[in-house]
C-alpha atoms as a PDB file:
ATOM      1  CA  MET A   1      52.026 -46.104  42.205  1.00  0.00           C
ATOM      2  CA  PHE A   2      48.279 -46.664  42.092  1.00  0.00           C
ATOM      3  CA  ILE A   3      47.545 -49.215  38.910  1.00  0.00           C
ATOM      4  CA  SER A   4      44.223 -49.724  38.089  1.00  0.00           C
ATOM      5  CA  LYS A   5      43.908 -52.367  35.333  1.00  0.00           C
ATOM      6  CA  PRO A   6      41.318 -55.192  33.960  1.00  0.00           C
ATOM      7  CA  ARG A   7      41.653 -58.288  35.051  1.00  0.00           C
ATOM      8  CA  ASN A   8      40.072 -61.283  32.459  1.00  0.00           C
ATOM      9  CA  LEU A   9      37.431 -63.353  34.837  1.00  0.00           C
ATOM     10  CA  GLY A  10      37.672 -66.219  32.661  1.00  0.00           C
ATOM     11  CA  GLY A  11      40.203 -66.436  30.186  1.00  0.00           C
ATOM     12  CA  ARG A  12      37.828 -64.931  27.493  1.00  0.00           C
ATOM     13  CA  GLU A  13      38.623 -62.478  24.794  1.00  0.00           C
ATOM     14  CA  ALA A  14      39.034 -58.362  25.597  1.00  0.00           C
ATOM     15  CA  ASP A  15      35.023 -57.908  26.018  1.00  0.00           C
ATOM     16  CA  PRO A  16      34.536 -55.033  28.478  1.00  0.00           C
ATOM     17  CA  ALA A  17      31.939 -57.300  30.197  1.00  0.00           C
ATOM     18  CA  VAL A  18      33.940 -59.814  31.691  1.00  0.00           C
ATOM     19  CA  PHE A  19      36.711 -57.919  32.979  1.00  0.00           C
ATOM     20  CA  ARG A  20      36.725 -55.804  36.716  1.00  0.00           C
ATOM     21  CA  SER A  21      39.034 -53.172  37.497  1.00  0.00           C
ATOM     22  CA  VAL A  22      42.070 -54.614  40.263  1.00  0.00           C
ATOM     23  CA  VAL A  23      43.879 -52.034  42.220  1.00  0.00           C
ATOM     24  CA  ILE A  24      47.728 -53.240  42.118  1.00  0.00           C
ATOM     25  CA  MET A  25      50.669 -51.317  44.180  1.00  0.00           C
ATOM     26  CA  ILE A  26      54.232 -50.826  42.377  1.00  0.00           C
ATOM     27  CA  TYR A  27      56.777 -49.151  43.895  1.00  0.00           C
ATOM     28  CA  LEU A  28      59.628 -47.862  42.623  1.00  0.00           C
ATOM     29  CA  GLY A  29      62.553 -46.126  44.037  1.00  0.00           C
ATOM     30  CA  PRO A  30      66.169 -45.746  44.689  1.00  0.00           C
ATOM     31  CA  ALA A  31      68.798 -47.618  47.215  1.00  0.00           C
ATOM     32  CA  GLY A  32      69.778 -44.508  49.038  1.00  0.00           C
ATOM     33  CA  VAL A  33      69.629 -41.063  48.642  1.00  0.00           C
ATOM     34  CA  PRO A  34      69.438 -39.930  45.301  1.00  0.00           C
ATOM     35  CA  LEU A  35      72.753 -38.664  43.330  1.00  0.00           C
ATOM     36  CA  SER A  36      71.008 -35.416  42.157  1.00  0.00           C
ATOM     37  CA  CYS A  37      69.592 -34.552  45.511  1.00  0.00           C
ATOM     38  CA  LYS A  38      71.770 -31.444  46.601  1.00  0.00           C
ATOM     39  CA  GLY A  39      71.628 -32.507  50.182  1.00  0.00           C
ATOM     40  CA  ARG A  40      73.236 -35.781  51.047  1.00  0.00           C
ATOM     41  CA  THR A  41      71.079 -36.490  54.367  1.00  0.00           C
ATOM     42  CA  THR A  42      67.994 -39.160  54.485  1.00  0.00           C
ATOM     43  CA  LEU A  43      65.532 -36.600  54.903  1.00  0.00           C
ATOM     44  CA  GLU A  44      66.426 -34.544  51.753  1.00  0.00           C
ATOM     45  CA  GLY A  45      66.905 -37.946  50.186  1.00  0.00           C
ATOM     46  CA  VAL A  46      62.993 -38.517  51.148  1.00  0.00           C
ATOM     47  CA  GLN A  47      61.678 -35.182  50.179  1.00  0.00           C
ATOM     48  CA  HIS A  48      64.077 -35.619  46.757  1.00  0.00           C
ATOM     49  CA  VAL A  49      62.749 -39.054  45.746  1.00  0.00           C
ATOM     50  CA  GLN A  50      58.694 -37.566  46.043  1.00  0.00           C
ATOM     51  CA  GLU A  51      59.384 -35.055  43.836  1.00  0.00           C
ATOM     52  CA  LEU A  52      61.415 -37.206  41.177  1.00  0.00           C
ATOM     53  CA  GLY A  53      57.792 -38.960  41.050  1.00  0.00           C
ATOM     54  CA  LEU A  54      58.860 -41.787  43.200  1.00  0.00           C
ATOM     55  CA  ASN A  55      57.732 -43.426  45.927  1.00  0.00           C
ATOM     56  CA  SER A  56      60.071 -45.666  47.382  1.00  0.00           C
ATOM     57  CA  MET A  57      63.473 -45.307  49.160  1.00  0.00           C
ATOM     58  CA  GLU A  58      65.654 -47.873  50.925  1.00  0.00           C
ATOM     59  CA  VAL A  59      67.303 -46.330  53.860  1.00  0.00           C
ATOM     60  CA  GLN A  60      71.176 -47.508  53.205  1.00  0.00           C
ATOM     61  CA  PHE A  61      73.058 -48.694  56.549  1.00  0.00           C
ATOM     62  CA  VAL A  62      75.401 -50.136  54.247  1.00  0.00           C
ATOM     63  CA  ARG A  63      78.764 -48.924  55.580  1.00  0.00           C
ATOM     64  CA  GLY A  64      77.009 -48.389  59.579  1.00  0.00           C
ATOM     65  CA  ILE A  65      74.285 -47.256  61.313  1.00  0.00           C
ATOM     66  CA  ARG A  66      75.021 -42.983  61.689  1.00  0.00           C
ATOM     67  CA  MET A  67      71.082 -42.183  62.796  1.00  0.00           C
ATOM     68  CA  ASP A  68      69.803 -41.529  65.972  1.00  0.00           C
ATOM     69  CA  GLU A  69      66.299 -42.125  67.187  1.00  0.00           C
ATOM     70  CA  GLU A  70      64.852 -38.404  67.094  1.00  0.00           C
ATOM     71  CA  TYR A  71      66.151 -38.370  63.338  1.00  0.00           C
ATOM     72  CA  ALA A  72      64.836 -41.439  62.623  1.00  0.00           C
ATOM     73  CA  LEU A  73      61.336 -40.414  63.359  1.00  0.00           C
ATOM     74  CA  GLU A  74      61.715 -37.346  61.508  1.00  0.00           C
ATOM     75  CA  VAL A  75      62.254 -39.408  58.554  1.00  0.00           C
ATOM     76  CA  GLY A  76      59.314 -41.978  58.660  1.00  0.00           C
ATOM     77  CA  GLU A  77      57.228 -39.101  59.351  1.00  0.00           C
ATOM     78  CA  LEU A  78      57.952 -37.422  56.646  1.00  0.00           C
ATOM     79  CA  ALA A  79      57.971 -40.244  54.310  1.00  0.00           C
ATOM     80  CA  LYS A  80      54.863 -41.146  55.456  1.00  0.00           C
ATOM     81  CA  GLU A  81      53.407 -37.250  54.599  1.00  0.00           C
ATOM     82  CA  LEU A  82      54.848 -37.805  51.515  1.00  0.00           C
ATOM     83  CA  GLY A  83      53.540 -41.036  50.460  1.00  0.00           C
ATOM     84  CA  ILE A  84      57.074 -42.686  50.465  1.00  0.00           C
ATOM     85  CA  ARG A  85      57.422 -46.523  51.172  1.00  0.00           C
ATOM     86  CA  LEU A  86      60.463 -47.051  52.963  1.00  0.00           C
ATOM     87  CA  THR A  87      62.927 -50.062  53.374  1.00  0.00           C
ATOM     88  CA  VAL A  88      66.380 -50.134  54.817  1.00  0.00           C
ATOM     89  CA  HIS A  89      69.377 -52.235  53.800  1.00  0.00           C
ATOM     90  CA  ALA A  90      71.450 -53.384  56.715  1.00  0.00           C
ATOM     91  CA  PRO A  91      74.937 -53.398  56.812  1.00  0.00           C
ATOM     92  CA  TYR A  92      76.714 -55.191  53.614  1.00  0.00           C
ATOM     93  CA  TYR A  93      79.250 -56.722  55.672  1.00  0.00           C
ATOM     94  CA  THR A  94      77.149 -59.617  57.751  1.00  0.00           C
ATOM     95  CA  ASN A  95      77.588 -63.344  57.607  1.00  0.00           C
ATOM     96  CA  ILE A  96      75.203 -65.682  59.529  1.00  0.00           C
ATOM     97  CA  VAL A  97      76.371 -68.262  58.548  1.00  0.00           C
ATOM     98  CA  SER A  98      80.437 -67.733  59.428  1.00  0.00           C
ATOM     99  CA  ASP A  99      82.489 -70.232  61.019  1.00  0.00           C
ATOM    100  CA  ASP A 100      83.816 -67.723  63.169  1.00  0.00           C
ATOM    101  CA  ALA A 101      81.277 -66.681  66.465  1.00  0.00           C
ATOM    102  CA  LYS A 102      82.195 -63.580  66.813  1.00  0.00           C
ATOM    103  CA  THR A 103      81.609 -62.264  62.751  1.00  0.00           C
ATOM    104  CA  ILE A 104      77.894 -63.808  63.440  1.00  0.00           C
ATOM    105  CA  GLU A 105      77.655 -62.343  66.997  1.00  0.00           C
ATOM    106  CA  LYS A 106      78.300 -59.005  65.138  1.00  0.00           C
ATOM    107  CA  SER A 107      76.073 -59.460  62.024  1.00  0.00           C
ATOM    108  CA  MET A 108      73.412 -60.696  64.138  1.00  0.00           C
ATOM    109  CA  ASP A 109      73.741 -57.317  66.175  1.00  0.00           C
ATOM    110  CA  LYS A 110      73.888 -54.966  62.834  1.00  0.00           C
ATOM    111  CA  ILE A 111      70.570 -56.533  61.680  1.00  0.00           C
ATOM    112  CA  ALA A 112      69.203 -56.646  65.303  1.00  0.00           C
ATOM    113  CA  MET A 113      69.947 -52.731  65.710  1.00  0.00           C
ATOM    114  CA  SER A 114      69.043 -52.317  61.756  1.00  0.00           C
ATOM    115  CA  GLY A 115      65.411 -53.264  62.581  1.00  0.00           C
ATOM    116  CA  TYR A 116      65.160 -50.726  65.637  1.00  0.00           C
ATOM    117  CA  PHE A 117      65.881 -47.863  63.260  1.00  0.00           C
ATOM    118  CA  ALA A 118      63.459 -49.153  60.933  1.00  0.00           C
ATOM    119  CA  ASP A 119      60.576 -49.911  63.440  1.00  0.00           C
ATOM    120  CA  ILE A 120      61.136 -46.528  64.274  1.00  0.00           C
ATOM    121  CA  MET A 121      60.998 -45.250  60.865  1.00  0.00           C
ATOM    122  CA  LYS A 122      57.816 -47.402  60.067  1.00  0.00           C
ATOM    123  CA  ALA A 123      59.969 -48.866  57.521  1.00  0.00           C
ATOM    124  CA  ASP A 124      58.127 -52.062  55.912  1.00  0.00           C
ATOM    125  CA  LEU A 125      60.868 -54.603  55.649  1.00  0.00           C
ATOM    126  CA  VAL A 126      64.959 -54.664  56.538  1.00  0.00           C
ATOM    127  CA  VAL A 127      66.869 -56.433  53.933  1.00  0.00           C
ATOM    128  CA  ALA A 128      70.137 -58.879  54.841  1.00  0.00           C
ATOM    129  CA  HIS A 129      73.129 -60.479  53.642  1.00  0.00           C
ATOM    130  CA  THR A 130      73.223 -64.173  54.731  1.00  0.00           C
ATOM    131  CA  GLY A 131      76.759 -64.340  54.291  1.00  0.00           C
ATOM    132  CA  PHE A 132      79.065 -66.561  52.384  1.00  0.00           C
ATOM    133  CA  TYR A 133      80.281 -70.208  52.830  1.00  0.00           C
ATOM    134  CA  THR A 134      83.215 -70.757  55.291  1.00  0.00           C
ATOM    135  CA  SER A 135      85.123 -74.048  55.966  1.00  0.00           C
ATOM    136  CA  LEU A 136      81.768 -75.106  57.652  1.00  0.00           C
ATOM    137  CA  SER A 137      80.270 -77.952  55.509  1.00  0.00           C
ATOM    138  CA  LYS A 138      76.735 -77.007  53.298  1.00  0.00           C
ATOM    139  CA  GLN A 139      74.612 -78.837  55.905  1.00  0.00           C
ATOM    140  CA  GLU A 140      76.137 -76.834  58.785  1.00  0.00           C
ATOM    141  CA  THR A 141      75.841 -73.581  57.106  1.00  0.00           C
ATOM    142  CA  TRP A 142      72.248 -74.302  56.172  1.00  0.00           C
ATOM    143  CA  ASP A 143      71.634 -74.919  59.937  1.00  0.00           C
ATOM    144  CA  LEU A 144      73.352 -72.106  60.777  1.00  0.00           C
ATOM    145  CA  ALA A 145      70.978 -69.798  58.322  1.00  0.00           C
ATOM    146  CA  VAL A 146      67.889 -71.440  60.107  1.00  0.00           C
ATOM    147  CA  GLN A 147      69.173 -71.273  63.083  1.00  0.00           C
ATOM    148  CA  ASN A 148      70.359 -67.318  63.183  1.00  0.00           C
ATOM    149  CA  ALA A 149      67.534 -66.063  60.911  1.00  0.00           C
ATOM    150  CA  THR A 150      64.879 -67.844  63.582  1.00  0.00           C
ATOM    151  CA  GLN A 151      67.036 -65.948  66.238  1.00  0.00           C
ATOM    152  CA  ILE A 152      66.371 -62.051  64.497  1.00  0.00           C
ATOM    153  CA  ARG A 153      62.664 -63.110  63.326  1.00  0.00           C
ATOM    154  CA  ASP A 154      61.908 -63.809  66.816  1.00  0.00           C
ATOM    155  CA  TYR A 155      64.111 -60.652  67.927  1.00  0.00           C
ATOM    156  CA  TYR A 156      62.047 -58.297  65.994  1.00  0.00           C
ATOM    157  CA  ALA A 157      58.653 -59.968  67.474  1.00  0.00           C
ATOM    158  CA  ASP A 158      59.441 -60.433  70.895  1.00  0.00           C
ATOM    159  CA  ASN A 159      60.693 -56.003  70.706  1.00  0.00           C
ATOM    160  CA  GLY A 160      57.412 -55.357  68.701  1.00  0.00           C
ATOM    161  CA  PHE A 161      58.922 -54.538  65.856  1.00  0.00           C
ATOM    162  CA  ALA A 162      56.346 -54.115  62.745  1.00  0.00           C
ATOM    163  CA  CYS A 163      59.199 -54.412  60.127  1.00  0.00           C
ATOM    164  CA  ARG A 164      59.894 -57.584  58.700  1.00  0.00           C
ATOM    165  CA  LEU A 165      63.372 -59.729  57.797  1.00  0.00           C
ATOM    166  CA  GLY A 166      64.160 -60.056  53.914  1.00  0.00           C
ATOM    167  CA  LEU A 167      67.228 -62.151  53.081  1.00  0.00           C
ATOM    168  CA  GLU A 168      68.413 -61.219  49.342  1.00  0.00           C
ATOM    169  CA  VAL A 169      69.334 -63.559  46.967  1.00  0.00           C
ATOM    170  CA  MET A 170      73.164 -62.767  46.556  1.00  0.00           C
ATOM    171  CA  GLY A 171      75.063 -62.727  43.269  1.00  0.00           C
ATOM    172  CA  LYS A 172      78.226 -65.114  43.291  1.00  0.00           C
ATOM    173  CA  GLN A 173      78.464 -68.589  43.821  1.00  0.00           C
ATOM    174  CA  GLN A 174      80.922 -67.955  47.009  1.00  0.00           C
ATOM    175  CA  CYS A 175      77.964 -66.474  48.604  1.00  0.00           C
ATOM    176  CA  PHE A 176      75.102 -68.567  50.523  1.00  0.00           C
ATOM    177  CA  GLY A 177      71.769 -67.483  49.217  1.00  0.00           C
ATOM    178  CA  ASP A 178      70.586 -68.485  45.743  1.00  0.00           C
ATOM    179  CA  LEU A 179      67.026 -68.417  44.709  1.00  0.00           C
ATOM    180  CA  ASP A 180      65.884 -71.560  46.003  1.00  0.00           C
ATOM    181  CA  GLN A 181      68.115 -71.503  48.956  1.00  0.00           C
ATOM    182  CA  MET A 182      65.942 -68.573  49.824  1.00  0.00           C
ATOM    183  CA  ILE A 183      62.856 -69.715  49.095  1.00  0.00           C
ATOM    184  CA  LYS A 184      63.286 -72.961  51.157  1.00  0.00           C
ATOM    185  CA  LEU A 185      64.505 -70.652  53.876  1.00  0.00           C
ATOM    186  CA  ALA A 186      60.923 -68.625  54.456  1.00  0.00           C
ATOM    187  CA  GLU A 187      59.851 -72.254  53.905  1.00  0.00           C
ATOM    188  CA  GLU A 188      61.466 -72.924  57.212  1.00  0.00           C
ATOM    189  CA  VAL A 189      61.506 -70.239  59.051  1.00  0.00           C
ATOM    190  CA  PRO A 190      57.845 -68.233  58.758  1.00  0.00           C
ATOM    191  CA  GLY A 191      58.066 -64.275  58.944  1.00  0.00           C
ATOM    192  CA  VAL A 192      61.390 -64.340  56.730  1.00  0.00           C
ATOM    193  CA  ILE A 193      61.058 -63.559  53.433  1.00  0.00           C
ATOM    194  CA  PRO A 194      63.274 -63.287  50.475  1.00  0.00           C
ATOM    195  CA  VAL A 195      63.867 -60.223  48.474  1.00  0.00           C
ATOM    196  CA  ILE A 196      64.711 -61.114  44.951  1.00  0.00           C
ATOM    197  CA  ASP A 197      67.450 -59.239  43.329  1.00  0.00           C
ATOM    198  CA  PHE A 198      66.550 -59.949  39.374  1.00  0.00           C
ATOM    199  CA  ALA A 199      70.417 -59.037  38.589  1.00  0.00           C
ATOM    200  CA  HIS A 200      71.622 -61.405  40.717  1.00  0.00           C
ATOM    201  CA  ILE A 201      69.574 -64.209  39.735  1.00  0.00           C
ATOM    202  CA  HIS A 202      70.846 -63.083  35.743  1.00  0.00           C
ATOM    203  CA  ALA A 203      74.252 -63.262  37.284  1.00  0.00           C
ATOM    204  CA  ARG A 204      74.053 -66.400  38.573  1.00  0.00           C
ATOM    205  CA  GLY A 205      72.531 -68.246  35.676  1.00  0.00           C
ATOM    206  CA  ASN A 206      75.159 -66.719  33.408  1.00  0.00           C
ATOM    207  CA  GLY A 207      72.721 -64.502  31.666  1.00  0.00           C
ATOM    208  CA  GLY A 208      69.183 -66.921  32.522  1.00  0.00           C
ATOM    209  CA  LEU A 209      67.021 -64.262  32.667  1.00  0.00           C
ATOM    210  CA  LYS A 210      66.137 -63.248  28.838  1.00  0.00           C
ATOM    211  CA  THR A 211      61.972 -64.055  28.936  1.00  0.00           C
ATOM    212  CA  LYS A 212      59.282 -62.732  30.290  1.00  0.00           C
ATOM    213  CA  GLY A 213      59.078 -66.288  31.065  1.00  0.00           C
ATOM    214  CA  ASP A 214      62.195 -66.430  32.762  1.00  0.00           C
ATOM    215  CA  PHE A 215      60.889 -63.995  34.968  1.00  0.00           C
ATOM    216  CA  ASP A 216      57.271 -65.132  35.557  1.00  0.00           C
ATOM    217  CA  GLN A 217      59.514 -68.781  36.875  1.00  0.00           C
ATOM    218  CA  ILE A 218      60.425 -66.870  39.544  1.00  0.00           C
ATOM    219  CA  PHE A 219      57.190 -65.240  40.699  1.00  0.00           C
ATOM    220  CA  LYS A 220      55.916 -68.872  40.360  1.00  0.00           C
ATOM    221  CA  LYS A 221      58.553 -70.186  42.569  1.00  0.00           C
ATOM    222  CA  ILE A 222      57.128 -67.587  45.385  1.00  0.00           C
ATOM    223  CA  GLU A 223      53.606 -67.755  45.048  1.00  0.00           C
ATOM    224  CA  HIS A 224      53.349 -70.374  47.302  1.00  0.00           C
ATOM    225  CA  LEU A 225      55.048 -68.559  50.112  1.00  0.00           C
ATOM    226  CA  GLY A 226      51.515 -66.381  50.151  1.00  0.00           C
ATOM    227  CA  LEU A 227      53.811 -62.885  50.088  1.00  0.00           C
ATOM    228  CA  ASP A 228      50.890 -60.170  49.953  1.00  0.00           C
ATOM    229  CA  HIS A 229      54.182 -57.916  48.153  1.00  0.00           C
ATOM    230  CA  VAL A 230      57.427 -59.248  46.667  1.00  0.00           C
ATOM    231  CA  HIS A 231      60.486 -56.959  47.533  1.00  0.00           C
ATOM    232  CA  SER A 232      63.326 -56.475  44.655  1.00  0.00           C
ATOM    233  CA  TYR A 233      65.548 -55.026  43.253  1.00  0.00           C
ATOM    234  CA  PHE A 234      66.860 -54.193  39.522  1.00  0.00           C
ATOM    235  CA  THR A 235      69.924 -52.896  37.756  1.00  0.00           C
ATOM    236  CA  GLY A 236      72.029 -54.332  35.265  1.00  0.00           C
ATOM    237  CA  VAL A 237      74.698 -56.316  35.613  1.00  0.00           C
ATOM    238  CA  LYS A 238      78.360 -57.242  34.142  1.00  0.00           C
ATOM    239  CA  TYR A 239      78.753 -60.950  34.795  1.00  0.00           C
ATOM    240  CA  ALA A 240      80.903 -64.493  33.750  1.00  0.00           C
ATOM    241  CA  ASN A 241      81.348 -68.071  35.137  1.00  0.00           C
ATOM    242  CA  TYR A 242      78.343 -67.857  37.044  1.00  0.00           C
ATOM    243  CA  ASN A 243      79.146 -65.254  39.059  1.00  0.00           C
ATOM    244  CA  GLU A 244      78.277 -60.999  39.442  1.00  0.00           C
ATOM    245  CA  LEU A 245      81.224 -58.579  38.309  1.00  0.00           C
ATOM    246  CA  HIS A 246      79.784 -55.636  39.391  1.00  0.00           C
ATOM    247  CA  HIS A 247      76.190 -53.481  38.809  1.00  0.00           C
ATOM    248  CA  VAL A 248      75.618 -50.772  35.530  1.00  0.00           C
ATOM    249  CA  PRO A 249      73.263 -49.017  34.070  1.00  0.00           C
ATOM    250  CA  ILE A 250      70.402 -51.031  32.925  1.00  0.00           C
ATOM    251  CA  LYS A 251      70.634 -50.055  29.610  1.00  0.00           C
ATOM    252  CA  LYS A 252      74.408 -50.850  29.398  1.00  0.00           C
ATOM    253  CA  GLY A 253      73.309 -54.854  30.635  1.00  0.00           C
ATOM    254  CA  ASP A 254      71.462 -56.918  28.987  1.00  0.00           C
ATOM    255  CA  LEU A 255      68.893 -57.663  31.428  1.00  0.00           C
ATOM    256  CA  ASP A 256      65.533 -56.189  29.969  1.00  0.00           C
ATOM    257  CA  PHE A 257      63.017 -54.839  32.658  1.00  0.00           C
ATOM    258  CA  SER A 258      60.365 -54.568  30.278  1.00  0.00           C
ATOM    259  CA  LEU A 259      60.411 -58.228  30.617  1.00  0.00           C
ATOM    260  CA  LEU A 260      59.726 -58.202  33.940  1.00  0.00           C
ATOM    261  CA  ALA A 261      57.285 -55.342  33.947  1.00  0.00           C
ATOM    262  CA  GLU A 262      55.022 -57.381  31.465  1.00  0.00           C
ATOM    263  CA  ALA A 263      55.352 -60.392  34.028  1.00  0.00           C
ATOM    264  CA  ILE A 264      54.688 -58.199  37.292  1.00  0.00           C
ATOM    265  CA  LEU A 265      51.563 -56.767  34.968  1.00  0.00           C
ATOM    266  CA  ASP A 266      50.409 -59.611  33.376  1.00  0.00           C
ATOM    267  CA  ARG A 267      50.195 -61.503  37.508  1.00  0.00           C
ATOM    268  CA  ASN A 268      48.822 -58.351  38.884  1.00  0.00           C
ATOM    269  CA  LEU A 269      51.807 -57.840  41.453  1.00  0.00           C
ATOM    270  CA  ASP A 270      51.924 -55.718  44.398  1.00  0.00           C
ATOM    271  CA  ILE A 271      55.869 -55.374  43.933  1.00  0.00           C
ATOM    272  CA  THR A 272      58.550 -52.933  45.528  1.00  0.00           C
ATOM    273  CA  VAL A 273      61.033 -52.417  42.775  1.00  0.00           C
ATOM    274  CA  ILE A 274      64.228 -50.977  44.473  1.00  0.00           C
ATOM    275  CA  SER A 275      67.178 -49.488  41.508  1.00  0.00           C
ATOM    276  CA  ASN A 276      70.584 -50.994  42.944  1.00  0.00           C
ATOM    277  CA  SER A 277      71.671 -49.526  39.793  1.00  0.00           C
ATOM    278  CA  PRO A 278      75.420 -46.994  39.567  1.00  0.00           C
ATOM    279  CA  ILE A 279      72.522 -44.208  38.588  1.00  0.00           C
ATOM    280  CA  VAL A 280      70.613 -44.933  41.024  1.00  0.00           C
ATOM    281  CA  GLU A 281      67.306 -42.687  40.664  1.00  0.00           C
ATOM    282  CA  HIS A 282      67.929 -42.047  37.007  1.00  0.00           C
ATOM    283  CA  ASP A 283      67.114 -46.136  36.694  1.00  0.00           C
ATOM    284  CA  ALA A 284      64.377 -45.861  38.660  1.00  0.00           C
ATOM    285  CA  MET A 285      62.778 -43.349  36.332  1.00  0.00           C
ATOM    286  CA  PHE A 286      63.419 -45.370  33.438  1.00  0.00           C
ATOM    287  CA  MET A 287      61.915 -48.058  34.968  1.00  0.00           C
ATOM    288  CA  LYS A 288      58.624 -46.052  35.445  1.00  0.00           C
ATOM    289  CA  ILE A 289      58.576 -44.762  32.123  1.00  0.00           C
ATOM    290  CA  LEU A 290      59.060 -48.503  30.452  1.00  0.00           C
ATOM    291  CA  LEU A 291      56.543 -49.461  32.923  1.00  0.00           C
ATOM    292  CA  GLU A 292      53.982 -46.755  31.687  1.00  0.00           C
ATOM    293  CA  ARG A 293      54.723 -47.413  28.116  1.00  0.00           C
ATOM    294  CA  ILE A 294      53.596 -50.736  28.304  1.00  0.00           C
ATOM    295  CA  LEU A 295      50.747 -49.805  30.166  1.00  0.00           C
ATOM    296  CA  GLU A 296      49.783 -47.197  27.568  1.00  0.00           C
ATOM    297  CA  LYS A 297      50.184 -50.018  24.546  1.00  0.00           C
ATOM    298  CA  ARG A 298      47.868 -52.421  26.872  1.00  0.00           C
ATOM    299  CA  GLN A 299      44.706 -50.510  27.708  1.00  0.00           C
ATOM    300  CA  GLN A 300      45.083 -48.907  24.089  1.00  0.00           C
ATOM    301  CA  GLY A 301      44.797 -52.154  22.783  1.00  0.00           C
ATOM    302  CA  MET A 302      41.901 -52.726  24.993  1.00  0.00           C
ATOM    303  CA  GLY A 303      40.164 -49.730  22.782  1.00  0.00           C
ATOM    304  CA  GLY A 304      40.389 -48.120  26.152  1.00  0.00           C
ATOM    305  CA  VAL A 305      41.746 -44.450  27.106  1.00  0.00           C
ATOM    306  CA  TYR A 306      45.188 -44.671  28.816  1.00  0.00           C
ATOM    307  CA  LYS A 307      45.289 -42.649  32.091  1.00  0.00           C
ATOM    308  CA  PRO A 308      48.438 -41.943  33.870  1.00  0.00           C
ATOM    309  CA  PRO A 309      49.243 -44.263  37.434  1.00  0.00           C
ATOM    310  CA  MET A 310      47.744 -41.993  40.309  1.00  0.00           C
ATOM    311  CA  GLU A 311      50.705 -41.265  43.182  1.00  0.00           C
ATOM    312  CA  GLU A 312      50.062 -42.416  46.348  1.00  0.00           C
ATOM    313  CA  ALA A 313      48.339 -39.127  48.204  1.00  0.00           C
END
């Protein structure tokens, strides 16, 4: 959705004379084909996302890559026609920091192949998991993360792929990849971006995201990376002992999307928020409703007339 919103030029009170319009892009959509889609194909999913009034969809290769080049091209053309931003999630079971060379090789192949099909679809980003700690030391694990993230980034570049590699913040302590590690990895390997999974960060902090300031602190941590667009996930989550247990619908968890929406609007962020809730598109639409309510209150507070966010043509 396009959101045209005023930006304060100088910290003064809300005088119309000191505001200018800023257009930001907020993309909301499901992880995978919507549950309410009658067909279960990616093409049908893209069409249904547009019909729901959403504007993004993650193409999931999470349980394997089952797509050919011709079909990927069709998906990309339809998404472009409908104004749907596509991203790809590589297979879940990857570990690029393993102590087993064969595991790393298979993982790298899966992420490489995900990039190949993402490029055909003109998807912006491939999201991948780094994996979990094995018998290697923390330093050895870190060195492997840098080495293999660099190799994948270079493979994408050498083959002319327009998509970028995004590495997801993980939700369990046994996994390599908390927020700080992903930020440091992005610093070490330019072109690789941290993918912000708010539920994972919340779980690793044992319920640490409680205020708008907590969400804003995440954005402060990544602002020096100079990202033109932030890619993220949101869902409700159950957790214990600083570990994610499982996802739940947003209303059944204690992670408040309204606080995130406030932080996004305060910072005028261009961002994608993918719903990876068990009720995927339903929670994506719930997030859209919450966001629009907040926008309405803000614009009414300035004496303006609320206009619903425009959908991308």
